[in-house]
Protein backbone atom coordinates (compact mmCIF):
# COMPACT_ATOMS: atom_id res chain seq x y z
CA UNK A 1 56.97 17.66 55.99
CA UNK A 2 53.70 18.13 54.49
CA UNK A 3 52.34 15.48 51.65
CA UNK A 4 51.24 16.91 48.08
CA UNK A 5 49.48 14.40 46.13
CA UNK A 6 50.06 16.65 43.21
CA UNK A 7 53.78 16.95 43.63
CA UNK A 8 54.11 12.92 43.72
CA UNK A 9 52.38 12.41 40.80
CA UNK A 10 55.04 14.16 38.38
CA UNK A 11 57.74 12.55 40.02
CA UNK A 12 59.35 10.14 38.22
CA UNK A 13 60.77 7.18 39.13
CA UNK A 14 62.17 5.18 36.56
CA UNK A 15 62.45 6.17 33.14
CA UNK A 16 64.23 3.62 30.49
CA UNK A 17 64.50 6.05 28.06
CA UNK A 18 66.49 9.12 29.44
CA UNK A 19 64.53 12.58 29.77
CA UNK A 20 61.69 12.98 27.39
CA UNK A 21 64.17 14.91 23.91
CA UNK A 22 60.35 15.02 21.43
CA UNK A 23 62.35 18.02 19.69
CA UNK A 24 65.63 15.61 18.76
CA UNK A 25 63.04 12.72 18.23
CA UNK A 26 61.04 14.89 15.84
CA UNK A 27 63.76 16.40 13.84
CA UNK A 28 63.64 15.30 10.13
CA UNK A 29 66.33 13.39 8.61
CA UNK A 30 68.30 15.02 5.53
CA UNK A 31 67.06 13.29 2.24
CA UNK A 32 69.46 13.05 -0.73
CA UNK A 33 68.40 12.80 -3.92
CA UNK A 34 68.90 9.87 -5.45
CA UNK A 35 72.21 10.08 -7.43
CA UNK A 36 73.74 10.99 -4.67
CA UNK A 37 72.46 7.92 -2.24
CA UNK A 38 75.03 4.99 -2.68
CA UNK A 39 73.25 1.59 -2.24
CA UNK A 40 73.84 -2.02 -1.74
CA UNK A 41 71.67 -4.44 -3.08
CA UNK A 42 72.40 -8.08 -1.27
CA UNK A 43 70.11 -11.44 -0.80
CA UNK A 44 70.60 -12.95 2.72
CA UNK A 45 68.83 -16.24 4.47
CA UNK A 46 70.55 -15.40 7.50
CA UNK A 47 68.14 -15.51 10.44
CA UNK A 48 65.38 -16.09 8.45
CA UNK A 49 64.58 -19.82 8.53
CA UNK A 50 66.18 -20.62 5.06
CA UNK A 51 63.90 -17.88 3.45
CA UNK A 52 65.52 -15.78 0.88
CA UNK A 53 65.39 -11.96 1.43
CA UNK A 54 66.99 -9.11 -0.72
CA UNK A 55 67.81 -6.44 1.27
CA UNK A 56 68.52 -2.81 -0.19
CA UNK A 57 70.68 -0.61 2.50
CA UNK A 58 72.38 2.89 2.44
CA UNK A 59 69.41 5.30 2.07
CA UNK A 60 69.31 8.19 3.40
CA UNK A 61 65.39 9.21 2.91
CA UNK A 62 62.30 9.57 4.53
CA UNK A 63 60.09 6.99 5.42
CA UNK A 64 57.41 8.22 3.34
CA UNK A 65 59.87 8.10 0.35
CA UNK A 66 60.79 4.35 1.30
CA UNK A 67 57.07 3.19 1.39
CA UNK A 68 56.17 4.57 -2.12
CA UNK A 69 59.78 3.04 -3.37
CA UNK A 70 58.65 -0.33 -1.40
CA UNK A 71 55.46 -0.22 -3.01
CA UNK A 72 57.22 0.17 -6.75
CA UNK A 73 59.21 -2.71 -5.67
CA UNK A 74 56.58 -4.99 -4.71
CA UNK A 75 55.07 -4.48 -7.50
CA UNK A 76 57.98 -4.79 -10.07
CA UNK A 77 58.67 -8.20 -8.41
CA UNK A 78 55.44 -9.69 -7.53
CA UNK A 79 56.19 -10.53 -4.33
CA UNK A 80 56.46 -9.23 -0.73
CA UNK A 81 58.22 -6.57 1.05
CA UNK A 82 58.77 -3.98 4.00
CA UNK A 83 60.58 -1.28 5.34
CA UNK A 84 63.27 -2.03 8.32
CA UNK A 85 65.27 0.55 10.08
CA UNK A 86 65.91 2.45 6.81
CA UNK A 87 66.49 -0.84 5.06
CA UNK A 88 63.98 -2.21 2.15
CA UNK A 89 63.24 -5.62 2.54
CA UNK A 90 61.90 -7.84 -1.02
CA UNK A 91 60.91 -11.52 -0.30
CA UNK A 92 62.91 -13.70 -2.85
CA UNK A 93 66.09 -13.28 -4.37
CA UNK A 94 65.87 -10.67 -7.02
CA UNK A 95 69.11 -9.04 -6.91
CA UNK A 96 69.75 -8.25 -10.35
CA UNK A 97 66.51 -6.97 -11.38
CA UNK A 98 65.89 -4.46 -8.59
CA UNK A 99 69.30 -3.56 -9.24
CA UNK A 100 68.03 -2.72 -12.69
CA UNK A 101 65.11 -0.49 -11.36
CA UNK A 102 66.84 1.35 -8.89
CA UNK A 103 69.26 2.07 -11.72
CA UNK A 104 66.64 3.14 -13.98
CA UNK A 105 65.25 5.63 -11.09
CA UNK A 106 68.43 7.41 -10.73
CA UNK A 107 69.93 5.71 -7.82
CA UNK A 108 73.75 4.85 -7.36
CA UNK A 109 73.34 0.73 -6.44
CA UNK A 110 75.43 -1.82 -6.93
CA UNK A 111 75.35 -5.63 -5.83
CA UNK A 112 77.20 -6.85 -2.51
CA UNK A 113 77.78 -10.38 -1.55
CA UNK A 114 77.89 -13.42 -3.17
């Protein structure tokens, strides 16, 4: 057996997430128009050390669109917020105000939970 250092450099010993499917990962998300999206607005404290967060779920949009929307919601509510895993989180309890803003923008949204 001949030992070729170049061939041993390319040998994969362990890969956590399987094969390199960069083509599949770069595939775009189908973005629906606002009137075809069914959003749920709910306030939650679970796992946030007692702090209330208003979460908006059900988006089928690109991350850029969500970033623009969260910026607008943060400005309208006068508070902080973020986008996490295709979900928008706004600090504080602003269910009714966010519902009004989203319906004015053409989204089909409803309040979920108590």
